[in-house]
Structure formats: structure tokens, C-alpha cells
Amino acid sequence: MNESEYIRYLLLNQSENPRSKELELEVMRLRNEINKIGVNINQIVKNSNSHIYGEDDKIQLEQNICEIKECVQILIEKKFMN
């Protein structure tokens, strides 16, 4: 069962899970944050296509994205290990 399937399972079986309201709120918060990240990515792409960023900026951005991915992966692992 992958992560998405697990979350769907929890959401669809709310009556069996006493923490379902808490999970629902957390999913809503995460969805909101992902939406904000998407808006930021769109702005970055627009600026990149407008040649506002230099090569050094793009390299730094790629490094930052890799760091974010690592942090998210650590959080996911901690969340599902509890």
C-alpha cells in the first residue's frame, strides 16, 4: 500500500479511526501548503522563462529543491513510523 492509498484508506474509513478529524484537518493543511508551493513554482517558471534568473540562481534553486525533497521524505518517514 503506497502513501496515497493509505491516506485514502484512512479518509474513507473515518468511522473506524478515532483520529479521522485530526487527519482530515492535517490533509487540508497539507493540500493548502502544496497549493502555495505550486503558486511559487509557477512564479519561478514564469521568471525563468522571462530570463530574470541567471545560471547561478538556477543551480541554487535546484540545490534548494533537493534539500526540500530530503526534508519532506524525512517527515513522511517519521509520520508513518509513529
PDB file of N, CA and C in Angstrom:
ATOM      1  N   MET A   1       0.866  -1.173   0.000  1.00  0.00           N
ATOM      2  CA  MET A   1       0.000   0.000   0.000  1.00  0.00           C
ATOM      3  C   MET A   1       0.908   1.229   0.000  1.00  0.00           C
ATOM      4  N   ASN A   2       0.756   2.071  -1.019  1.00  0.00           N
ATOM      5  CA  ASN A   2       1.580   3.260  -1.059  1.00  0.00           C
ATOM      6  C   ASN A   2       0.958   4.361  -0.201  1.00  0.00           C
ATOM      7  N   GLU A   3       1.621   5.473  -0.140  1.00  0.00           N
ATOM      8  CA  GLU A   3       1.221   6.584   0.720  1.00  0.00           C
ATOM      9  C   GLU A   3      -0.176   7.108   0.375  1.00  0.00           C
ATOM     10  N   SER A   4      -0.443   7.333  -0.910  1.00  0.00           N
ATOM     11  CA  SER A   4      -1.748   7.844  -1.338  1.00  0.00           C
ATOM     12  C   SER A   4      -2.864   6.868  -0.993  1.00  0.00           C
ATOM     13  N   GLU A   5      -2.620   5.594  -1.232  1.00  0.00           N
ATOM     14  CA  GLU A   5      -3.633   4.583  -0.912  1.00  0.00           C
ATOM     15  C   GLU A   5      -3.909   4.554   0.590  1.00  0.00           C
ATOM     16  N   TYR A   6      -2.858   4.693   1.392  1.00  0.00           N
ATOM     17  CA  TYR A   6      -3.011   4.680   2.844  1.00  0.00           C
ATOM     18  C   TYR A   6      -3.860   5.868   3.307  1.00  0.00           C
ATOM     19  N   ILE A   7      -3.571   7.044   2.773  1.00  0.00           N
ATOM     20  CA  ILE A   7      -4.332   8.241   3.161  1.00  0.00           C
ATOM     21  C   ILE A   7      -5.793   8.086   2.734  1.00  0.00           C
ATOM     22  N   ARG A   8      -6.019   7.582   1.511  1.00  0.00           N
ATOM     23  CA  ARG A   8      -7.386   7.337   1.051  1.00  0.00           C
ATOM     24  C   ARG A   8      -8.102   6.351   1.973  1.00  0.00           C
ATOM     25  N   TYR A   9      -7.401   5.303   2.347  1.00  0.00           N
ATOM     26  CA  TYR A   9      -7.976   4.311   3.248  1.00  0.00           C
ATOM     27  C   TYR A   9      -8.407   4.960   4.566  1.00  0.00           C
ATOM     28  N   LEU A  10      -7.523   5.779   5.128  1.00  0.00           N
ATOM     29  CA  LEU A  10      -7.847   6.433   6.393  1.00  0.00           C
ATOM     30  C   LEU A  10      -9.047   7.366   6.249  1.00  0.00           C
ATOM     31  N   LEU A  11      -9.070   8.108   5.142  1.00  0.00           N
ATOM     32  CA  LEU A  11     -10.168   9.044   4.940  1.00  0.00           C
ATOM     33  C   LEU A  11     -11.496   8.325   4.697  1.00  0.00           C
ATOM     34  N   LEU A  12     -11.471   7.252   3.962  1.00  0.00           N
ATOM     35  CA  LEU A  12     -12.707   6.532   3.654  1.00  0.00           C
ATOM     36  C   LEU A  12     -13.222   5.715   4.824  1.00  0.00           C
ATOM     37  N   ASN A  13     -12.360   5.396   5.770  1.00  0.00           N
ATOM     38  CA  ASN A  13     -12.748   4.596   6.932  1.00  0.00           C
ATOM     39  C   ASN A  13     -12.714   5.433   8.199  1.00  0.00           C
ATOM     40  N   GLN A  14     -13.263   6.625   8.128  1.00  0.00           N
ATOM     41  CA  GLN A  14     -13.223   7.544   9.259  1.00  0.00           C
ATOM     42  C   GLN A  14     -13.916   7.001  10.498  1.00  0.00           C
ATOM     43  N   SER A  15     -14.997   6.266  10.340  1.00  0.00           N
ATOM     44  CA  SER A  15     -15.727   5.773  11.500  1.00  0.00           C
ATOM     45  C   SER A  15     -14.892   4.775  12.300  1.00  0.00           C
ATOM     46  N   GLU A  16     -13.951   4.109  11.622  1.00  0.00           N
ATOM     47  CA  GLU A  16     -13.106   3.134  12.301  1.00  0.00           C
ATOM     48  C   GLU A  16     -11.886   3.793  12.946  1.00  0.00           C
ATOM     49  N   ASN A  17     -11.611   5.016  12.574  1.00  0.00           N
ATOM     50  CA  ASN A  17     -10.410   5.681  13.049  1.00  0.00           C
ATOM     51  C   ASN A  17     -10.789   6.880  13.916  1.00  0.00           C
ATOM     52  N   PRO A  18     -10.515   6.826  15.226  1.00  0.00           N
ATOM     53  CA  PRO A  18     -10.892   7.935  16.103  1.00  0.00           C
ATOM     54  C   PRO A  18     -10.150   9.238  15.800  1.00  0.00           C
ATOM     55  N   ARG A  19      -9.019   9.147  15.113  1.00  0.00           N
ATOM     56  CA  ARG A  19      -8.253  10.354  14.802  1.00  0.00           C
ATOM     57  C   ARG A  19      -8.610  10.899  13.422  1.00  0.00           C
ATOM     58  N   SER A  20      -9.739  10.492  12.862  1.00  0.00           N
ATOM     59  CA  SER A  20     -10.068  10.868  11.494  1.00  0.00           C
ATOM     60  C   SER A  20     -10.222  12.375  11.316  1.00  0.00           C
ATOM     61  N   LYS A  21     -10.806  13.067  12.265  1.00  0.00           N
ATOM     62  CA  LYS A  21     -10.963  14.522  12.155  1.00  0.00           C
ATOM     63  C   LYS A  21      -9.599  15.196  12.159  1.00  0.00           C
ATOM     64  N   GLU A  22      -8.727  14.714  13.008  1.00  0.00           N
ATOM     65  CA  GLU A  22      -7.370  15.250  13.064  1.00  0.00           C
ATOM     66  C   GLU A  22      -6.661  15.015  11.733  1.00  0.00           C
ATOM     67  N   LEU A  23      -6.816  13.829  11.186  1.00  0.00           N
ATOM     68  CA  LEU A  23      -6.203  13.500   9.904  1.00  0.00           C
ATOM     69  C   LEU A  23      -6.788  14.366   8.792  1.00  0.00           C
ATOM     70  N   GLU A  24      -8.100  14.544   8.828  1.00  0.00           N
ATOM     71  CA  GLU A  24      -8.762  15.368   7.813  1.00  0.00           C
ATOM     72  C   GLU A  24      -8.225  16.796   7.845  1.00  0.00           C
ATOM     73  N   LEU A  25      -8.061  17.345   9.034  1.00  0.00           N
ATOM     74  CA  LEU A  25      -7.508  18.701   9.154  1.00  0.00           C
ATOM     75  C   LEU A  25      -6.073  18.762   8.647  1.00  0.00           C
ATOM     76  N   GLU A  26      -5.299  17.743   8.954  1.00  0.00           N
ATOM     77  CA  GLU A  26      -3.906  17.705   8.501  1.00  0.00           C
ATOM     78  C   GLU A  26      -3.828  17.611   6.979  1.00  0.00           C
ATOM     79  N   VAL A  27      -4.695  16.796   6.387  1.00  0.00           N
ATOM     80  CA  VAL A  27      -4.723  16.679   4.923  1.00  0.00           C
ATOM     81  C   VAL A  27      -5.112  18.022   4.309  1.00  0.00           C
ATOM     82  N   MET A  28      -6.069  18.716   4.911  1.00  0.00           N
ATOM     83  CA  MET A  28      -6.467  20.029   4.399  1.00  0.00           C
ATOM     84  C   MET A  28      -5.307  21.022   4.488  1.00  0.00           C
ATOM     85  N   ARG A  29      -4.583  20.992   5.602  1.00  0.00           N
ATOM     86  CA  ARG A  29      -3.416  21.876   5.754  1.00  0.00           C
ATOM     87  C   ARG A  29      -2.353  21.557   4.707  1.00  0.00           C
ATOM     88  N   LEU A  30      -2.098  20.267   4.514  1.00  0.00           N
ATOM     89  CA  LEU A  30      -1.109  19.860   3.522  1.00  0.00           C
ATOM     90  C   LEU A  30      -1.521  20.264   2.118  1.00  0.00           C
ATOM     91  N   ARG A  31      -2.778  20.092   1.797  1.00  0.00           N
ATOM     92  CA  ARG A  31      -3.283  20.482   0.479  1.00  0.00           C
ATOM     93  C   ARG A  31      -3.093  21.986   0.269  1.00  0.00           C
ATOM     94  N   ASN A  32      -3.367  22.762   1.310  1.00  0.00           N
ATOM     95  CA  ASN A  32      -3.191  24.209   1.247  1.00  0.00           C
ATOM     96  C   ASN A  32      -1.719  24.573   1.019  1.00  0.00           C
ATOM     97  N   GLU A  33      -0.836  23.918   1.740  1.00  0.00           N
ATOM     98  CA  GLU A  33       0.593  24.180   1.585  1.00  0.00           C
ATOM     99  C   GLU A  33       1.087  23.782   0.201  1.00  0.00           C
ATOM    100  N   ILE A  34       0.615  22.648  -0.298  1.00  0.00           N
ATOM    101  CA  ILE A  34       1.011  22.198  -1.634  1.00  0.00           C
ATOM    102  C   ILE A  34       0.534  23.204  -2.679  1.00  0.00           C
ATOM    103  N   ASN A  35      -0.662  23.735  -2.488  1.00  0.00           N
ATOM    104  CA  ASN A  35      -1.176  24.750  -3.409  1.00  0.00           C
ATOM    105  C   ASN A  35      -0.273  25.980  -3.412  1.00  0.00           C
ATOM    106  N   LYS A  36       0.150  26.431  -2.227  1.00  0.00           N
ATOM    107  CA  LYS A  36       1.041  27.590  -2.136  1.00  0.00           C
ATOM    108  C   LYS A  36       2.375  27.309  -2.822  1.00  0.00           C
ATOM    109  N   ILE A  37       2.887  26.103  -2.631  1.00  0.00           N
ATOM    110  CA  ILE A  37       4.147  25.722  -3.281  1.00  0.00           C
ATOM    111  C   ILE A  37       3.974  25.745  -4.794  1.00  0.00           C
ATOM    112  N   GLY A  38       2.829  25.255  -5.284  1.00  0.00           N
ATOM    113  CA  GLY A  38       2.555  25.269  -6.720  1.00  0.00           C
ATOM    114  C   GLY A  38       2.530  26.680  -7.278  1.00  0.00           C
ATOM    115  N   VAL A  39       1.929  27.607  -6.533  1.00  0.00           N
ATOM    116  CA  VAL A  39       1.904  29.006  -6.963  1.00  0.00           C
ATOM    117  C   VAL A  39       3.326  29.548  -7.048  1.00  0.00           C
ATOM    118  N   ASN A  40       4.141  29.239  -6.050  1.00  0.00           N
ATOM    119  CA  ASN A  40       5.534  29.700  -6.064  1.00  0.00           C
ATOM    120  C   ASN A  40       6.305  29.104  -7.241  1.00  0.00           C
ATOM    121  N   ILE A  41       6.082  27.832  -7.511  1.00  0.00           N
ATOM    122  CA  ILE A  41       6.766  27.192  -8.640  1.00  0.00           C
ATOM    123  C   ILE A  41       6.361  27.860  -9.951  1.00  0.00           C
ATOM    124  N   ASN A  42       5.077  28.164 -10.101  1.00  0.00           N
ATOM    125  CA  ASN A  42       4.619  28.848 -11.314  1.00  0.00           C
ATOM    126  C   ASN A  42       5.296  30.203 -11.476  1.00  0.00           C
ATOM    127  N   GLN A  43       5.463  30.935 -10.378  1.00  0.00           N
ATOM    128  CA  GLN A  43       6.144  32.228 -10.440  1.00  0.00           C
ATOM    129  C   GLN A  43       7.611  32.058 -10.833  1.00  0.00           C
ATOM    130  N   ILE A  44       8.254  31.040 -10.288  1.00  0.00           N
ATOM    131  CA  ILE A  44       9.654  30.781 -10.615  1.00  0.00           C
ATOM    132  C   ILE A  44       9.797  30.443 -12.096  1.00  0.00           C
ATOM    133  N   VAL A  45       8.911  29.590 -12.605  1.00  0.00           N
ATOM    134  CA  VAL A  45       8.970  29.200 -14.018  1.00  0.00           C
ATOM    135  C   VAL A  45       8.738  30.415 -14.914  1.00  0.00           C
ATOM    136  N   LYS A  46       7.768  31.230 -14.551  1.00  0.00           N
ATOM    137  CA  LYS A  46       7.491  32.440 -15.346  1.00  0.00           C
ATOM    138  C   LYS A  46       8.718  33.338 -15.386  1.00  0.00           C
ATOM    139  N   ASN A  47       9.323  33.560 -14.234  1.00  0.00           N
ATOM    140  CA  ASN A  47      10.515  34.413 -14.179  1.00  0.00           C
ATOM    141  C   ASN A  47      11.694  33.783 -14.917  1.00  0.00           C
ATOM    142  N   SER A  48      11.807  32.485 -14.827  1.00  0.00           N
ATOM    143  CA  SER A  48      12.887  31.797 -15.534  1.00  0.00           C
ATOM    144  C   SER A  48      12.706  31.929 -17.043  1.00  0.00           C
ATOM    145  N   ASN A  49      11.478  31.767 -17.511  1.00  0.00           N
ATOM    146  CA  ASN A  49      11.201  31.909 -18.939  1.00  0.00           C
ATOM    147  C   ASN A  49      11.385  33.353 -19.414  1.00  0.00           C
ATOM    148  N   SER A  50      11.281  34.293 -18.478  1.00  0.00           N
ATOM    149  CA  SER A  50      11.495  35.705 -18.811  1.00  0.00           C
ATOM    150  C   SER A  50      12.974  36.080 -18.713  1.00  0.00           C
ATOM    151  N   HIS A  51      13.812  35.089 -18.428  1.00  0.00           N
ATOM    152  CA  HIS A  51      15.267  35.268 -18.314  1.00  0.00           C
ATOM    153  C   HIS A  51      15.656  36.234 -17.200  1.00  0.00           C
ATOM    154  N   ILE A  52      14.868  36.231 -16.129  1.00  0.00           N
ATOM    155  CA  ILE A  52      15.188  37.061 -14.958  1.00  0.00           C
ATOM    156  C   ILE A  52      16.297  36.411 -14.134  1.00  0.00           C
ATOM    157  N   TYR A  53      16.296  35.064 -14.091  1.00  0.00           N
ATOM    158  CA  TYR A  53      17.280  34.338 -13.298  1.00  0.00           C
ATOM    159  C   TYR A  53      18.508  34.009 -14.131  1.00  0.00           C
ATOM    160  N   GLY A  54      19.670  34.075 -13.468  1.00  0.00           N
ATOM    161  CA  GLY A  54      20.913  33.657 -14.105  1.00  0.00           C
ATOM    162  C   GLY A  54      21.165  32.182 -13.838  1.00  0.00           C
ATOM    163  N   GLU A  55      22.218  31.653 -14.415  1.00  0.00           N
ATOM    164  CA  GLU A  55      22.552  30.237 -14.228  1.00  0.00           C
ATOM    165  C   GLU A  55      22.857  29.916 -12.763  1.00  0.00           C
ATOM    166  N   ASP A  56      23.549  30.828 -12.075  1.00  0.00           N
ATOM    167  CA  ASP A  56      23.853  30.602 -10.649  1.00  0.00           C
ATOM    168  C   ASP A  56      22.569  30.487  -9.830  1.00  0.00           C
ATOM    169  N   ASP A  57      21.585  31.326 -10.160  1.00  0.00           N
ATOM    170  CA  ASP A  57      20.303  31.265  -9.456  1.00  0.00           C
ATOM    171  C   ASP A  57      19.622  29.920  -9.681  1.00  0.00           C
ATOM    172  N   LYS A  58      19.684  29.436 -10.918  1.00  0.00           N
ATOM    173  CA  LYS A  58      19.044  28.157 -11.240  1.00  0.00           C
ATOM    174  C   LYS A  58      19.730  26.995 -10.525  1.00  0.00           C
ATOM    175  N   ILE A  59      21.052  27.047 -10.430  1.00  0.00           N
ATOM    176  CA  ILE A  59      21.796  26.000  -9.712  1.00  0.00           C
ATOM    177  C   ILE A  59      21.421  26.012  -8.235  1.00  0.00           C
ATOM    178  N   GLN A  60      21.352  27.209  -7.656  1.00  0.00           N
ATOM    179  CA  GLN A  60      20.984  27.340  -6.242  1.00  0.00           C
ATOM    180  C   GLN A  60      19.560  26.834  -6.012  1.00  0.00           C
ATOM    181  N   LEU A  61      18.672  27.151  -6.929  1.00  0.00           N
ATOM    182  CA  LEU A  61      17.286  26.702  -6.823  1.00  0.00           C
ATOM    183  C   LEU A  61      17.203  25.181  -6.858  1.00  0.00           C
ATOM    184  N   GLU A  62      17.949  24.555  -7.747  1.00  0.00           N
ATOM    185  CA  GLU A  62      17.959  23.092  -7.816  1.00  0.00           C
ATOM    186  C   GLU A  62      18.471  22.486  -6.515  1.00  0.00           C
ATOM    187  N   GLN A  63      19.496  23.092  -5.920  1.00  0.00           N
ATOM    188  CA  GLN A  63      20.022  22.595  -4.647  1.00  0.00           C
ATOM    189  C   GLN A  63      18.972  22.735  -3.551  1.00  0.00           C
ATOM    190  N   ASN A  64      18.280  23.875  -3.542  1.00  0.00           N
ATOM    191  CA  ASN A  64      17.238  24.099  -2.535  1.00  0.00           C
ATOM    192  C   ASN A  64      16.100  23.090  -2.686  1.00  0.00           C
ATOM    193  N   ILE A  65      15.718  22.798  -3.921  1.00  0.00           N
ATOM    194  CA  ILE A  65      14.649  21.831  -4.158  1.00  0.00           C
ATOM    195  C   ILE A  65      15.068  20.449  -3.661  1.00  0.00           C
ATOM    196  N   CYS A  66      16.320  20.075  -3.892  1.00  0.00           N
ATOM    197  CA  CYS A  66      16.805  18.777  -3.400  1.00  0.00           C
ATOM    198  C   CYS A  66      16.748  18.715  -1.876  1.00  0.00           C
ATOM    199  N   GLU A  67      17.118  19.806  -1.213  1.00  0.00           N
ATOM    200  CA  GLU A  67      17.059  19.852   0.248  1.00  0.00           C
ATOM    201  C   GLU A  67      15.615  19.716   0.735  1.00  0.00           C
ATOM    202  N   ILE A  68      14.695  20.389   0.051  1.00  0.00           N
ATOM    203  CA  ILE A  68      13.282  20.309   0.425  1.00  0.00           C
ATOM    204  C   ILE A  68      12.783  18.882   0.267  1.00  0.00           C
ATOM    205  N   LYS A  69      13.139  18.235  -0.846  1.00  0.00           N
ATOM    206  CA  LYS A  69      12.727  16.846  -1.065  1.00  0.00           C
ATOM    207  C   LYS A  69      13.216  15.946   0.060  1.00  0.00           C
ATOM    208  N   GLU A  70      14.459  16.129   0.473  1.00  0.00           N
ATOM    209  CA  GLU A  70      15.012  15.316   1.558  1.00  0.00           C
ATOM    210  C   GLU A  70      14.249  15.546   2.859  1.00  0.00           C
ATOM    211  N   CYS A  71      13.937  16.810   3.161  1.00  0.00           N
ATOM    212  CA  CYS A  71      13.196  17.131   4.384  1.00  0.00           C
ATOM    213  C   CYS A  71      11.797  16.520   4.358  1.00  0.00           C
ATOM    214  N   VAL A  72      11.126  16.622   3.220  1.00  0.00           N
ATOM    215  CA  VAL A  72       9.786  16.052   3.089  1.00  0.00           C
ATOM    216  C   VAL A  72       9.843  14.541   3.268  1.00  0.00           C
ATOM    217  N   GLN A  73      10.835  13.905   2.685  1.00  0.00           N
ATOM    218  CA  GLN A  73      10.964  12.450   2.808  1.00  0.00           C
ATOM    219  C   GLN A  73      11.171  12.047   4.266  1.00  0.00           C
ATOM    220  N   ILE A  74      11.985  12.799   4.984  1.00  0.00           N
ATOM    221  CA  ILE A  74      12.219  12.524   6.405  1.00  0.00           C
ATOM    222  C   ILE A  74      10.915  12.670   7.193  1.00  0.00           C
ATOM    223  N   LEU A  75      10.147  13.722   6.905  1.00  0.00           N
ATOM    224  CA  LEU A  75       8.875  13.927   7.598  1.00  0.00           C
ATOM    225  C   LEU A  75       7.893  12.807   7.313  1.00  0.00           C
ATOM    226  N   ILE A  76       7.850  12.375   6.055  1.00  0.00           N
ATOM    227  CA  ILE A  76       6.936  11.284   5.682  1.00  0.00           C
ATOM    228  C   ILE A  76       7.324  10.011   6.429  1.00  0.00           C
ATOM    229  N   GLU A  77       8.615   9.715   6.477  1.00  0.00           N
ATOM    230  CA  GLU A  77       9.077   8.510   7.162  1.00  0.00           C
ATOM    231  C   GLU A  77       8.745   8.575   8.648  1.00  0.00           C
ATOM    232  N   LYS A  78       8.947   9.729   9.271  1.00  0.00           N
ATOM    233  CA  LYS A  78       8.625   9.873  10.699  1.00  0.00           C
ATOM    234  C   LYS A  78       7.131   9.735  10.941  1.00  0.00           C
ATOM    235  N   LYS A  79       6.316  10.322  10.064  1.00  0.00           N
ATOM    236  CA  LYS A  79       4.864  10.302  10.233  1.00  0.00           C
ATOM    237  C   LYS A  79       4.331   8.875  10.158  1.00  0.00           C
ATOM    238  N   PHE A  80       4.842   8.091   9.218  1.00  0.00           N
ATOM    239  CA  PHE A  80       4.323   6.746   9.031  1.00  0.00           C
ATOM    240  C   PHE A  80       4.990   5.725   9.938  1.00  0.00           C
ATOM    241  N   MET A  81       6.035   6.106  10.655  1.00  0.00           N
ATOM    242  CA  MET A  81       6.661   5.190  11.612  1.00  0.00           C
ATOM    243  C   MET A  81       5.996   5.281  12.963  1.00  0.00           C
ATOM    244  N   ASN A  82       5.246   6.354  13.202  1.00  0.00           N
ATOM    245  CA  ASN A  82       4.599   6.526  14.515  1.00  0.00           C
ATOM    246  C   ASN A  82       3.383   5.718  14.616  1.00  0.00           C
TER     247      ASN A  82
END
